[in-house]
Amino acid sequence: MKKLISIFIVFFSAVILYQCSIYQTLTNLSRLQFKIGEINSFRLNELDISNKSSLKDFNPTDILELSSVFAQGKLPVSFVLNVDAKNPNDGTGGYPKTDATLKSLKWRLFIDDKETVSGDIDAPVPVPGTGEVTKIPLRIKIDLLQFFKDHSFEKVINLALILGGKNGTASKITLYATPTVSTIFGDIKYPGELKIIDNQFTN
């Protein structure tokens, strides 16, 4: 009987330790942080606008081409939106070092507070527990007029310039995303969406 009781004690102790280990891993992974990073390779109807800051910087041929496309009810853009991910679980501050692999990052893209396209990462991304930033590139293709039909030609061009022009910024972009992280205990999906913006990390 004493031997049986000892076996039960060892078994339940192992279960408790395992559950604590899972809880600690979940706690650590919930500390992963995300922020909107740079916008790269922006193209407006296949035109590089990285050296332009206003409509005046376009040559007449480009204006004619863009006006023609706009008149047809479309204005395609493509760009790479970088999401900065940071894993602060570097072994300091009382937390054990925990590496993570971001298996999925299902996202919804908002431009100027308007929901546009959605997607996911192309492949799993390692986010090591070093506290350093890991860049996650999201390749975006979108027809601006599909979502901004009420905008004038100049207003849509200016929106594109704000995003990908000479003084381009991601301030008009918000990402709502649901991370799924691979761990030794299996895949862990965040319970809700994160609001990811450009001026601070969020978790």
N, C-alpha and C. Protein backbone atom coordinates (compact mmCIF):
# COMPACT_ATOMS: atom_id res chain seq x y z
N MET A 1 0.83 -1.21 0.00
CA MET A 1 0.00 0.00 0.00
C MET A 1 0.87 1.26 0.00
N LYS A 2 1.91 1.27 0.85
CA LYS A 2 2.80 2.43 0.91
C LYS A 2 3.47 2.67 -0.45
N LYS A 3 3.83 1.56 -1.10
CA LYS A 3 4.47 1.68 -2.42
C LYS A 3 3.52 2.28 -3.43
N LEU A 4 2.24 1.87 -3.36
CA LEU A 4 1.22 2.39 -4.28
C LEU A 4 0.99 3.88 -4.04
N ILE A 5 0.95 4.26 -2.75
CA ILE A 5 0.78 5.68 -2.42
C ILE A 5 1.96 6.50 -2.94
N SER A 6 3.16 5.94 -2.82
CA SER A 6 4.36 6.64 -3.30
C SER A 6 4.30 6.85 -4.81
N ILE A 7 3.80 5.82 -5.50
CA ILE A 7 3.67 5.92 -6.97
C ILE A 7 2.69 7.03 -7.35
N PHE A 8 1.56 7.07 -6.62
CA PHE A 8 0.56 8.12 -6.89
C PHE A 8 1.14 9.51 -6.61
N ILE A 9 1.90 9.63 -5.54
CA ILE A 9 2.50 10.92 -5.20
C ILE A 9 3.46 11.37 -6.29
N VAL A 10 4.29 10.44 -6.75
CA VAL A 10 5.24 10.77 -7.83
C VAL A 10 4.50 11.15 -9.10
N PHE A 11 3.43 10.38 -9.40
CA PHE A 11 2.65 10.63 -10.62
C PHE A 11 2.00 12.02 -10.59
N PHE A 12 1.33 12.31 -9.48
CA PHE A 12 0.64 13.60 -9.38
C PHE A 12 1.63 14.76 -9.31
N SER A 13 2.77 14.54 -8.73
CA SER A 13 3.80 15.57 -8.69
C SER A 13 4.30 15.87 -10.10
N ALA A 14 4.46 14.80 -10.89
CA ALA A 14 4.89 14.98 -12.28
C ALA A 14 3.84 15.74 -13.08
N VAL A 15 2.56 15.40 -12.84
CA VAL A 15 1.47 16.10 -13.54
C VAL A 15 1.46 17.58 -13.19
N ILE A 16 1.62 17.87 -11.90
CA ILE A 16 1.62 19.28 -11.46
C ILE A 16 2.79 20.03 -12.06
N LEU A 17 3.97 19.41 -12.06
CA LEU A 17 5.15 20.06 -12.64
C LEU A 17 4.96 20.30 -14.14
N TYR A 18 4.35 19.32 -14.82
CA TYR A 18 4.08 19.45 -16.26
C TYR A 18 3.12 20.60 -16.52
N GLN A 19 2.07 20.67 -15.71
CA GLN A 19 1.09 21.75 -15.89
C GLN A 19 1.72 23.10 -15.60
N CYS A 20 2.59 23.15 -14.60
CA CYS A 20 3.29 24.41 -14.29
C CYS A 20 4.20 24.81 -15.45
N SER A 21 4.83 23.80 -16.05
CA SER A 21 5.71 24.07 -17.19
C SER A 21 4.92 24.63 -18.35
N ILE A 22 3.74 24.04 -18.61
CA ILE A 22 2.87 24.54 -19.68
C ILE A 22 2.43 25.97 -19.37
N TYR A 23 2.02 26.19 -18.13
CA TYR A 23 1.57 27.53 -17.74
C TYR A 23 2.68 28.56 -17.92
N GLN A 24 3.92 28.19 -17.52
CA GLN A 24 5.04 29.12 -17.65
C GLN A 24 5.33 29.42 -19.11
N THR A 25 5.24 28.37 -19.95
CA THR A 25 5.46 28.57 -21.39
C THR A 25 4.40 29.49 -21.97
N LEU A 26 3.14 29.26 -21.61
CA LEU A 26 2.05 30.11 -22.09
C LEU A 26 2.25 31.56 -21.64
N THR A 27 2.66 31.71 -20.38
CA THR A 27 2.90 33.06 -19.85
C THR A 27 3.99 33.76 -20.63
N ASN A 28 5.08 33.02 -20.91
CA ASN A 28 6.20 33.61 -21.64
C ASN A 28 5.80 34.00 -23.06
N LEU A 29 5.07 33.07 -23.72
CA LEU A 29 4.70 33.34 -25.11
C LEU A 29 3.71 34.49 -25.22
N SER A 30 2.92 34.70 -24.18
CA SER A 30 1.98 35.81 -24.21
C SER A 30 2.70 37.16 -24.14
N ARG A 31 4.00 37.11 -23.88
CA ARG A 31 4.78 38.34 -23.81
C ARG A 31 5.40 38.71 -25.15
N LEU A 32 5.21 37.89 -26.19
CA LEU A 32 5.70 38.26 -27.53
C LEU A 32 5.09 39.60 -27.92
N GLN A 33 5.91 40.45 -28.52
CA GLN A 33 5.48 41.81 -28.84
C GLN A 33 5.56 42.05 -30.35
N PHE A 34 4.63 42.86 -30.85
CA PHE A 34 4.56 43.13 -32.29
C PHE A 34 4.38 44.63 -32.53
N LYS A 35 4.93 45.07 -33.66
CA LYS A 35 4.80 46.48 -34.06
C LYS A 35 4.90 46.57 -35.57
N ILE A 36 4.16 47.52 -36.16
CA ILE A 36 4.29 47.78 -37.59
C ILE A 36 5.66 48.42 -37.85
N GLY A 37 6.41 47.84 -38.78
CA GLY A 37 7.72 48.37 -39.14
C GLY A 37 7.67 49.19 -40.41
N GLU A 38 8.70 49.05 -41.23
CA GLU A 38 8.82 49.84 -42.45
C GLU A 38 7.95 49.29 -43.58
N ILE A 39 7.63 50.17 -44.51
CA ILE A 39 7.00 49.79 -45.77
C ILE A 39 8.06 49.86 -46.85
N ASN A 40 8.26 48.75 -47.56
CA ASN A 40 9.28 48.68 -48.61
C ASN A 40 8.66 48.33 -49.97
N SER A 41 9.43 48.63 -51.02
CA SER A 41 9.09 48.20 -52.39
C SER A 41 7.68 48.61 -52.81
N PHE A 42 7.28 49.82 -52.45
CA PHE A 42 5.93 50.29 -52.79
C PHE A 42 5.85 50.61 -54.28
N ARG A 43 4.83 50.10 -54.93
CA ARG A 43 4.59 50.36 -56.35
C ARG A 43 3.15 50.80 -56.54
N LEU A 44 2.99 51.88 -57.26
CA LEU A 44 1.67 52.40 -57.62
C LEU A 44 1.47 52.15 -59.10
N ASN A 45 0.60 51.20 -59.43
CA ASN A 45 0.43 50.78 -60.82
C ASN A 45 1.78 50.45 -61.45
N GLU A 46 2.61 49.69 -60.69
CA GLU A 46 3.96 49.27 -61.08
C GLU A 46 4.96 50.43 -61.15
N LEU A 47 4.58 51.60 -60.72
CA LEU A 47 5.47 52.76 -60.73
C LEU A 47 6.11 52.95 -59.36
N ASP A 48 7.43 53.08 -59.33
CA ASP A 48 8.16 53.33 -58.09
C ASP A 48 7.95 54.80 -57.69
N ILE A 49 7.37 55.03 -56.50
CA ILE A 49 7.10 56.41 -56.08
C ILE A 49 7.94 56.80 -54.85
N SER A 50 8.99 56.02 -54.60
CA SER A 50 9.80 56.26 -53.40
C SER A 50 10.55 57.59 -53.43
N ASN A 51 10.68 58.20 -54.62
CA ASN A 51 11.36 59.49 -54.74
C ASN A 51 10.38 60.65 -54.94
N LYS A 52 9.09 60.39 -54.67
CA LYS A 52 8.08 61.42 -54.90
C LYS A 52 7.37 61.77 -53.59
N SER A 53 7.09 63.03 -53.42
CA SER A 53 6.42 63.48 -52.19
C SER A 53 5.08 64.17 -52.47
N SER A 54 4.81 64.50 -53.73
CA SER A 54 3.53 65.13 -54.08
C SER A 54 3.20 64.84 -55.54
N LEU A 55 1.99 65.18 -55.93
CA LEU A 55 1.55 64.94 -57.31
C LEU A 55 2.41 65.71 -58.31
N LYS A 56 3.00 66.81 -57.88
CA LYS A 56 3.84 67.63 -58.76
C LYS A 56 5.12 66.91 -59.19
N ASP A 57 5.50 65.88 -58.45
CA ASP A 57 6.75 65.17 -58.75
C ASP A 57 6.59 64.14 -59.87
N PHE A 58 5.36 63.89 -60.31
CA PHE A 58 5.12 62.94 -61.39
C PHE A 58 5.30 63.65 -62.73
N ASN A 59 5.87 62.94 -63.68
CA ASN A 59 5.98 63.53 -65.01
C ASN A 59 4.65 63.39 -65.76
N PRO A 60 4.43 64.15 -66.83
CA PRO A 60 3.15 64.13 -67.55
C PRO A 60 2.73 62.74 -68.04
N THR A 61 3.71 61.95 -68.45
CA THR A 61 3.39 60.60 -68.94
C THR A 61 2.82 59.74 -67.82
N ASP A 62 3.44 59.83 -66.65
CA ASP A 62 2.95 59.07 -65.50
C ASP A 62 1.55 59.52 -65.08
N ILE A 63 1.34 60.83 -65.08
CA ILE A 63 0.02 61.38 -64.72
C ILE A 63 -1.05 60.87 -65.69
N LEU A 64 -0.71 60.86 -66.98
CA LEU A 64 -1.65 60.41 -68.01
C LEU A 64 -1.98 58.93 -67.80
N GLU A 65 -0.96 58.12 -67.53
CA GLU A 65 -1.17 56.69 -67.32
C GLU A 65 -2.01 56.43 -66.08
N LEU A 66 -1.68 57.11 -64.98
CA LEU A 66 -2.43 56.92 -63.74
C LEU A 66 -3.87 57.40 -63.87
N SER A 67 -4.06 58.51 -64.58
CA SER A 67 -5.42 59.04 -64.80
C SER A 67 -6.25 58.07 -65.62
N SER A 68 -5.61 57.45 -66.60
CA SER A 68 -6.31 56.49 -67.45
C SER A 68 -6.74 55.26 -66.65
N VAL A 69 -5.84 54.77 -65.82
CA VAL A 69 -6.16 53.61 -64.98
C VAL A 69 -7.26 53.97 -63.97
N PHE A 70 -7.14 55.17 -63.38
CA PHE A 70 -8.14 55.64 -62.42
C PHE A 70 -9.52 55.74 -63.08
N ALA A 71 -9.56 56.21 -64.33
CA ALA A 71 -10.83 56.35 -65.06
C ALA A 71 -11.47 54.99 -65.32
N GLN A 72 -10.65 53.94 -65.33
CA GLN A 72 -11.17 52.58 -65.52
C GLN A 72 -11.66 51.97 -64.21
N GLY A 73 -11.54 52.74 -63.13
CA GLY A 73 -12.03 52.28 -61.83
C GLY A 73 -11.09 51.40 -61.06
N LYS A 74 -9.79 51.59 -61.29
CA LYS A 74 -8.81 50.78 -60.54
C LYS A 74 -7.53 51.59 -60.33
N LEU A 75 -6.79 51.20 -59.30
CA LEU A 75 -5.50 51.83 -59.02
C LEU A 75 -4.70 50.85 -58.13
N PRO A 76 -4.07 49.86 -58.76
CA PRO A 76 -3.39 48.82 -57.99
C PRO A 76 -2.10 49.30 -57.34
N VAL A 77 -1.87 48.83 -56.13
CA VAL A 77 -0.60 49.08 -55.46
C VAL A 77 -0.09 47.75 -54.89
N SER A 78 1.20 47.68 -54.72
CA SER A 78 1.82 46.52 -54.07
C SER A 78 2.96 47.03 -53.20
N PHE A 79 3.19 46.35 -52.08
CA PHE A 79 4.26 46.75 -51.19
C PHE A 79 4.55 45.64 -50.19
N VAL A 80 5.66 45.76 -49.51
CA VAL A 80 6.01 44.84 -48.43
C VAL A 80 5.84 45.59 -47.12
N LEU A 81 4.96 45.07 -46.28
CA LEU A 81 4.74 45.64 -44.95
C LEU A 81 5.50 44.77 -43.95
N ASN A 82 6.48 45.37 -43.28
CA ASN A 82 7.26 44.63 -42.29
C ASN A 82 6.62 44.73 -40.92
N VAL A 83 6.40 43.59 -40.29
CA VAL A 83 5.94 43.54 -38.91
C VAL A 83 7.14 43.19 -38.04
N ASP A 84 7.44 44.02 -37.06
CA ASP A 84 8.53 43.76 -36.14
C ASP A 84 8.02 42.90 -34.98
N ALA A 85 8.67 41.78 -34.76
CA ALA A 85 8.31 40.90 -33.64
C ALA A 85 9.48 40.84 -32.67
N LYS A 86 9.17 40.90 -31.39
CA LYS A 86 10.22 40.86 -30.38
C LYS A 86 9.84 39.86 -29.29
N ASN A 87 10.78 39.00 -28.97
CA ASN A 87 10.60 38.00 -27.92
C ASN A 87 11.48 38.40 -26.74
N PRO A 88 10.89 38.99 -25.70
CA PRO A 88 11.68 39.49 -24.58
C PRO A 88 12.13 38.40 -23.60
N ASN A 89 11.80 37.14 -23.90
CA ASN A 89 12.12 36.04 -22.98
C ASN A 89 13.58 35.61 -23.16
N ASP A 90 14.50 36.50 -22.74
CA ASP A 90 15.93 36.27 -22.96
C ASP A 90 16.63 35.70 -21.73
N GLY A 91 15.86 35.29 -20.74
CA GLY A 91 16.46 34.70 -19.55
C GLY A 91 16.71 35.67 -18.42
N THR A 92 16.35 36.95 -18.62
CA THR A 92 16.53 37.94 -17.56
C THR A 92 15.16 38.31 -16.97
N GLY A 93 15.19 39.03 -15.88
CA GLY A 93 13.95 39.51 -15.27
C GLY A 93 13.10 38.43 -14.63
N GLY A 94 13.72 37.29 -14.31
CA GLY A 94 12.97 36.23 -13.63
C GLY A 94 12.24 35.28 -14.54
N TYR A 95 12.35 35.48 -15.87
CA TYR A 95 11.69 34.59 -16.82
C TYR A 95 12.74 33.71 -17.49
N PRO A 96 12.47 32.44 -17.70
CA PRO A 96 13.42 31.58 -18.41
C PRO A 96 13.49 31.95 -19.89
N LYS A 97 14.65 31.72 -20.50
CA LYS A 97 14.82 31.99 -21.93
C LYS A 97 13.91 31.05 -22.71
N THR A 98 13.08 31.60 -23.58
CA THR A 98 12.13 30.81 -24.34
C THR A 98 12.15 31.25 -25.80
N ASP A 99 12.63 30.36 -26.67
CA ASP A 99 12.55 30.62 -28.10
C ASP A 99 11.14 30.29 -28.58
N ALA A 100 10.72 30.94 -29.66
CA ALA A 100 9.38 30.69 -30.19
C ALA A 100 9.43 30.65 -31.70
N THR A 101 8.50 29.94 -32.28
CA THR A 101 8.32 29.93 -33.73
C THR A 101 6.91 30.37 -34.05
N LEU A 102 6.81 31.46 -34.77
CA LEU A 102 5.50 31.97 -35.17
C LEU A 102 5.02 31.15 -36.36
N LYS A 103 4.05 30.28 -36.12
CA LYS A 103 3.58 29.39 -37.17
C LYS A 103 2.58 30.08 -38.09
N SER A 104 1.78 30.95 -37.51
CA SER A 104 0.75 31.64 -38.28
C SER A 104 0.54 33.03 -37.71
N LEU A 105 0.20 33.96 -38.57
CA LEU A 105 -0.15 35.32 -38.14
C LEU A 105 -1.28 35.81 -39.05
N LYS A 106 -2.47 35.29 -38.80
CA LYS A 106 -3.61 35.69 -39.63
C LYS A 106 -3.92 37.16 -39.36
N TRP A 107 -3.92 37.95 -40.43
CA TRP A 107 -4.04 39.39 -40.26
C TRP A 107 -5.14 39.98 -41.12
N ARG A 108 -5.62 41.15 -40.65
CA ARG A 108 -6.55 41.99 -41.41
C ARG A 108 -5.92 43.38 -41.49
N LEU A 109 -5.83 43.91 -42.71
CA LEU A 109 -5.15 45.18 -42.93
C LEU A 109 -6.15 46.34 -43.01
N PHE A 110 -5.92 47.35 -42.19
CA PHE A 110 -6.72 48.58 -42.23
C PHE A 110 -5.83 49.71 -42.75
N ILE A 111 -6.31 50.42 -43.75
CA ILE A 111 -5.63 51.60 -44.26
C ILE A 111 -6.53 52.80 -44.04
N ASP A 112 -6.01 53.79 -43.35
CA ASP A 112 -6.80 54.99 -43.04
C ASP A 112 -8.13 54.61 -42.38
N ASP A 113 -8.05 53.66 -41.44
CA ASP A 113 -9.19 53.17 -40.65
C ASP A 113 -10.23 52.40 -41.46
N LYS A 114 -9.86 51.99 -42.67
CA LYS A 114 -10.79 51.20 -43.49
C LYS A 114 -10.23 49.81 -43.70
N GLU A 115 -11.05 48.78 -43.41
CA GLU A 115 -10.58 47.41 -43.59
C GLU A 115 -10.45 47.09 -45.08
N THR A 116 -9.32 46.45 -45.43
CA THR A 116 -9.07 46.13 -46.83
C THR A 116 -8.87 44.62 -47.00
N VAL A 117 -7.63 44.19 -47.18
CA VAL A 117 -7.37 42.78 -47.46
C VAL A 117 -6.93 42.03 -46.21
N SER A 118 -6.86 40.71 -46.32
CA SER A 118 -6.43 39.87 -45.20
C SER A 118 -5.50 38.79 -45.72
N GLY A 119 -4.80 38.12 -44.79
CA GLY A 119 -3.89 37.08 -45.21
C GLY A 119 -3.18 36.44 -44.04
N ASP A 120 -2.07 35.78 -44.34
CA ASP A 120 -1.28 35.08 -43.33
C ASP A 120 0.18 35.12 -43.78
N ILE A 121 1.10 34.74 -42.89
CA ILE A 121 2.51 34.70 -43.26
C ILE A 121 2.74 33.54 -44.22
N ASP A 122 3.81 33.67 -45.05
CA ASP A 122 4.10 32.65 -46.06
C ASP A 122 4.65 31.36 -45.46
N ALA A 123 5.42 31.50 -44.36
CA ALA A 123 6.07 30.34 -43.76
C ALA A 123 6.33 30.65 -42.28
N PRO A 124 6.54 29.61 -41.46
CA PRO A 124 6.84 29.85 -40.05
C PRO A 124 8.08 30.73 -39.87
N VAL A 125 8.06 31.56 -38.83
CA VAL A 125 9.15 32.51 -38.57
C VAL A 125 9.69 32.29 -37.16
N PRO A 126 10.99 31.94 -37.03
CA PRO A 126 11.58 31.81 -35.70
C PRO A 126 11.71 33.18 -35.04
N VAL A 127 11.33 33.26 -33.76
CA VAL A 127 11.49 34.49 -32.98
C VAL A 127 12.30 34.10 -31.73
N PRO A 128 13.62 34.16 -31.83
CA PRO A 128 14.46 33.69 -30.72
C PRO A 128 14.32 34.56 -29.47
N GLY A 129 14.58 33.93 -28.32
CA GLY A 129 14.46 34.65 -27.05
C GLY A 129 15.70 35.46 -26.76
N THR A 130 15.93 36.47 -27.58
CA THR A 130 17.11 37.33 -27.42
C THR A 130 16.74 38.77 -27.12
N GLY A 131 15.45 39.10 -27.26
CA GLY A 131 15.03 40.48 -27.06
C GLY A 131 15.24 41.34 -28.29
N GLU A 132 15.84 40.78 -29.34
CA GLU A 132 16.07 41.52 -30.57
C GLU A 132 14.86 41.42 -31.50
N VAL A 133 14.79 42.35 -32.45
CA VAL A 133 13.64 42.43 -33.36
C VAL A 133 13.81 41.46 -34.53
N THR A 134 12.76 40.71 -34.80
CA THR A 134 12.69 39.85 -35.98
C THR A 134 11.69 40.47 -36.94
N LYS A 135 12.10 40.68 -38.18
CA LYS A 135 11.22 41.30 -39.17
C LYS A 135 10.42 40.23 -39.92
N ILE A 136 9.12 40.45 -40.00
CA ILE A 136 8.22 39.53 -40.70
C ILE A 136 7.63 40.27 -41.89
N PRO A 137 8.07 39.95 -43.12
CA PRO A 137 7.55 40.66 -44.29
C PRO A 137 6.19 40.13 -44.75
N LEU A 138 5.24 41.04 -44.90
CA LEU A 138 3.93 40.69 -45.46
C LEU A 138 3.83 41.32 -46.84
N ARG A 139 3.63 40.51 -47.84
CA ARG A 139 3.54 41.01 -49.22
C ARG A 139 2.08 41.35 -49.53
N ILE A 140 1.86 42.63 -49.77
CA ILE A 140 0.49 43.14 -49.94
C ILE A 140 0.24 43.55 -51.38
N LYS A 141 -0.89 43.12 -51.91
CA LYS A 141 -1.37 43.60 -53.20
C LYS A 141 -2.81 44.02 -53.02
N ILE A 142 -3.12 45.23 -53.48
CA ILE A 142 -4.45 45.77 -53.23
C ILE A 142 -4.81 46.79 -54.31
N ASP A 143 -6.07 46.84 -54.65
CA ASP A 143 -6.57 47.89 -55.54
C ASP A 143 -7.19 48.97 -54.66
N LEU A 144 -6.54 50.11 -54.57
CA LEU A 144 -6.99 51.17 -53.67
C LEU A 144 -8.41 51.63 -53.98
N LEU A 145 -8.77 51.66 -55.26
CA LEU A 145 -10.11 52.15 -55.60
C LEU A 145 -11.21 51.18 -55.19
N GLN A 146 -10.83 49.94 -54.92
CA GLN A 146 -11.84 48.99 -54.45
C GLN A 146 -12.36 49.40 -53.07
N PHE A 147 -11.51 50.11 -52.32
CA PHE A 147 -11.87 50.49 -50.96
C PHE A 147 -12.02 52.00 -50.76
N PHE A 148 -11.55 52.78 -51.73
CA PHE A 148 -11.62 54.23 -51.61
C PHE A 148 -12.26 54.84 -52.86
N LYS A 149 -13.43 54.29 -53.23
CA LYS A 149 -14.13 54.75 -54.42
C LYS A 149 -14.61 56.18 -54.30
N ASP A 150 -14.83 56.62 -53.07
CA ASP A 150 -15.35 57.97 -52.87
C ASP A 150 -14.26 59.03 -52.87
N HIS A 151 -13.00 58.61 -53.05
CA HIS A 151 -11.88 59.55 -53.06
C HIS A 151 -11.63 60.08 -54.47
N SER A 152 -11.20 61.31 -54.54
CA SER A 152 -10.80 61.90 -55.82
C SER A 152 -9.45 61.33 -56.26
N PHE A 153 -9.10 61.56 -57.51
CA PHE A 153 -7.82 61.09 -58.04
C PHE A 153 -6.67 61.61 -57.18
N GLU A 154 -6.68 62.90 -56.89
CA GLU A 154 -5.59 63.49 -56.11
C GLU A 154 -5.53 62.92 -54.70
N LYS A 155 -6.67 62.69 -54.09
CA LYS A 155 -6.70 62.19 -52.73
C LYS A 155 -6.16 60.76 -52.64
N VAL A 156 -6.48 59.93 -53.64
CA VAL A 156 -5.98 58.55 -53.64
C VAL A 156 -4.47 58.54 -53.88
N ILE A 157 -4.00 59.39 -54.79
CA ILE A 157 -2.56 59.48 -55.05
C ILE A 157 -1.83 59.94 -53.79
N ASN A 158 -2.41 60.90 -53.11
CA ASN A 158 -1.79 61.40 -51.87
C ASN A 158 -1.74 60.31 -50.79
N LEU A 159 -2.78 59.47 -50.74
CA LEU A 159 -2.77 58.37 -49.79
C LEU A 159 -1.64 57.40 -50.11
N ALA A 160 -1.47 57.11 -51.40
CA ALA A 160 -0.38 56.23 -51.81
C ALA A 160 0.97 56.83 -51.45
N LEU A 161 1.11 58.14 -51.62
CA LEU A 161 2.37 58.83 -51.30
C LEU A 161 2.65 58.82 -49.80
N ILE A 162 1.60 58.93 -49.00
CA ILE A 162 1.78 58.86 -47.55
C ILE A 162 2.36 57.50 -47.16
N LEU A 163 1.91 56.46 -47.84
CA LEU A 163 2.37 55.12 -47.52
C LEU A 163 3.74 54.80 -48.11
N GLY A 164 3.93 55.13 -49.37
CA GLY A 164 5.15 54.67 -50.05
C GLY A 164 5.97 55.73 -50.73
N GLY A 165 5.67 56.99 -50.49
CA GLY A 165 6.41 58.07 -51.12
C GLY A 165 7.72 58.38 -50.43
N LYS A 166 8.31 59.49 -50.80
CA LYS A 166 9.63 59.90 -50.28
C LYS A 166 9.61 60.03 -48.77
N ASN A 167 8.52 60.54 -48.23
CA ASN A 167 8.37 60.68 -46.78
C ASN A 167 7.36 59.67 -46.24
N GLY A 168 7.36 58.49 -46.85
CA GLY A 168 6.37 57.47 -46.51
C GLY A 168 6.39 57.06 -45.05
N THR A 169 5.23 56.74 -44.54
CA THR A 169 5.07 56.33 -43.15
C THR A 169 3.98 55.29 -43.03
N ALA A 170 4.06 54.47 -42.00
CA ALA A 170 3.04 53.44 -41.76
C ALA A 170 1.98 53.92 -40.79
N SER A 171 1.93 55.23 -40.55
CA SER A 171 0.99 55.77 -39.56
C SER A 171 -0.47 55.56 -39.96
N LYS A 172 -0.73 55.38 -41.25
CA LYS A 172 -2.10 55.17 -41.72
C LYS A 172 -2.50 53.69 -41.70
N ILE A 173 -1.58 52.84 -41.24
CA ILE A 173 -1.83 51.41 -41.28
C ILE A 173 -2.03 50.83 -39.88
N THR A 174 -3.05 49.99 -39.76
CA THR A 174 -3.29 49.22 -38.55
C THR A 174 -3.49 47.77 -38.96
N LEU A 175 -2.91 46.88 -38.19
CA LEU A 175 -3.03 45.45 -38.47
C LEU A 175 -3.71 44.78 -37.27
N TYR A 176 -4.75 44.02 -37.55
CA TYR A 176 -5.35 43.18 -36.52
C TYR A 176 -4.95 41.75 -36.82
N ALA A 177 -4.25 41.12 -35.88
CA ALA A 177 -3.67 39.81 -36.18
C ALA A 177 -3.86 38.84 -35.02
N THR A 178 -3.94 37.55 -35.38
CA THR A 178 -4.05 36.47 -34.40
C THR A 178 -2.84 35.55 -34.57
N PRO A 179 -1.87 35.62 -33.66
CA PRO A 179 -0.69 34.76 -33.77
C PRO A 179 -0.97 33.33 -33.31
N THR A 180 -0.31 32.39 -33.96
CA THR A 180 -0.26 31.01 -33.50
C THR A 180 1.21 30.64 -33.38
N VAL A 181 1.61 30.19 -32.19
CA VAL A 181 3.01 29.92 -31.90
C VAL A 181 3.21 28.43 -31.67
N SER A 182 4.26 27.88 -32.28
CA SER A 182 4.60 26.47 -32.07
C SER A 182 5.46 26.32 -30.82
N THR A 183 5.13 25.35 -29.98
CA THR A 183 5.89 25.08 -28.75
C THR A 183 6.09 23.58 -28.61
N ILE A 184 6.83 23.19 -27.59
CA ILE A 184 7.03 21.77 -27.34
C ILE A 184 5.73 21.09 -26.89
N PHE A 185 4.75 21.89 -26.51
CA PHE A 185 3.46 21.35 -26.08
C PHE A 185 2.43 21.37 -27.21
N GLY A 186 2.86 21.80 -28.41
CA GLY A 186 1.93 21.91 -29.53
C GLY A 186 1.70 23.37 -29.90
N ASP A 187 0.82 23.59 -30.85
CA ASP A 187 0.54 24.95 -31.31
C ASP A 187 -0.35 25.68 -30.32
N ILE A 188 0.00 26.93 -30.04
CA ILE A 188 -0.78 27.76 -29.14
C ILE A 188 -1.29 28.97 -29.92
N LYS A 189 -2.61 29.07 -30.02
CA LYS A 189 -3.24 30.19 -30.72
C LYS A 189 -3.67 31.23 -29.71
N TYR A 190 -3.31 32.48 -29.98
CA TYR A 190 -3.73 33.56 -29.08
C TYR A 190 -5.26 33.60 -29.00
N PRO A 191 -5.82 33.89 -27.85
CA PRO A 191 -7.28 33.85 -27.68
C PRO A 191 -8.04 34.93 -28.43
N GLY A 192 -7.35 35.97 -28.87
CA GLY A 192 -8.03 37.05 -29.58
C GLY A 192 -7.06 37.81 -30.47
N GLU A 193 -7.57 38.74 -31.25
CA GLU A 193 -6.74 39.54 -32.14
C GLU A 193 -5.91 40.57 -31.37
N LEU A 194 -4.72 40.83 -31.89
CA LEU A 194 -3.90 41.92 -31.39
C LEU A 194 -4.05 43.11 -32.33
N LYS A 195 -4.08 44.30 -31.78
CA LYS A 195 -4.07 45.51 -32.58
C LYS A 195 -2.61 45.95 -32.70
N ILE A 196 -2.08 45.90 -33.93
CA ILE A 196 -0.67 46.21 -34.15
C ILE A 196 -0.57 47.54 -34.88
N ILE A 197 0.17 48.48 -34.28
CA ILE A 197 0.34 49.82 -34.85
C ILE A 197 1.82 50.13 -35.01
N ASP A 198 2.13 51.33 -35.49
CA ASP A 198 3.51 51.63 -35.86
C ASP A 198 4.33 52.32 -34.78
N ASN A 199 3.71 52.85 -33.75
CA ASN A 199 4.48 53.69 -32.81
C ASN A 199 4.80 53.02 -31.49
N GLN A 200 4.37 51.77 -31.30
CA GLN A 200 4.72 51.06 -30.07
C GLN A 200 4.49 49.56 -30.21
N PHE A 201 5.25 48.79 -29.44
CA PHE A 201 5.05 47.35 -29.44
C PHE A 201 3.80 47.01 -28.62
N THR A 202 3.09 45.98 -29.06
CA THR A 202 1.91 45.52 -28.33
C THR A 202 1.97 44.02 -28.19
N ASN A 203 1.34 43.49 -27.11
CA ASN A 203 1.29 42.04 -26.95
C ASN A 203 -0.05 41.64 -26.33
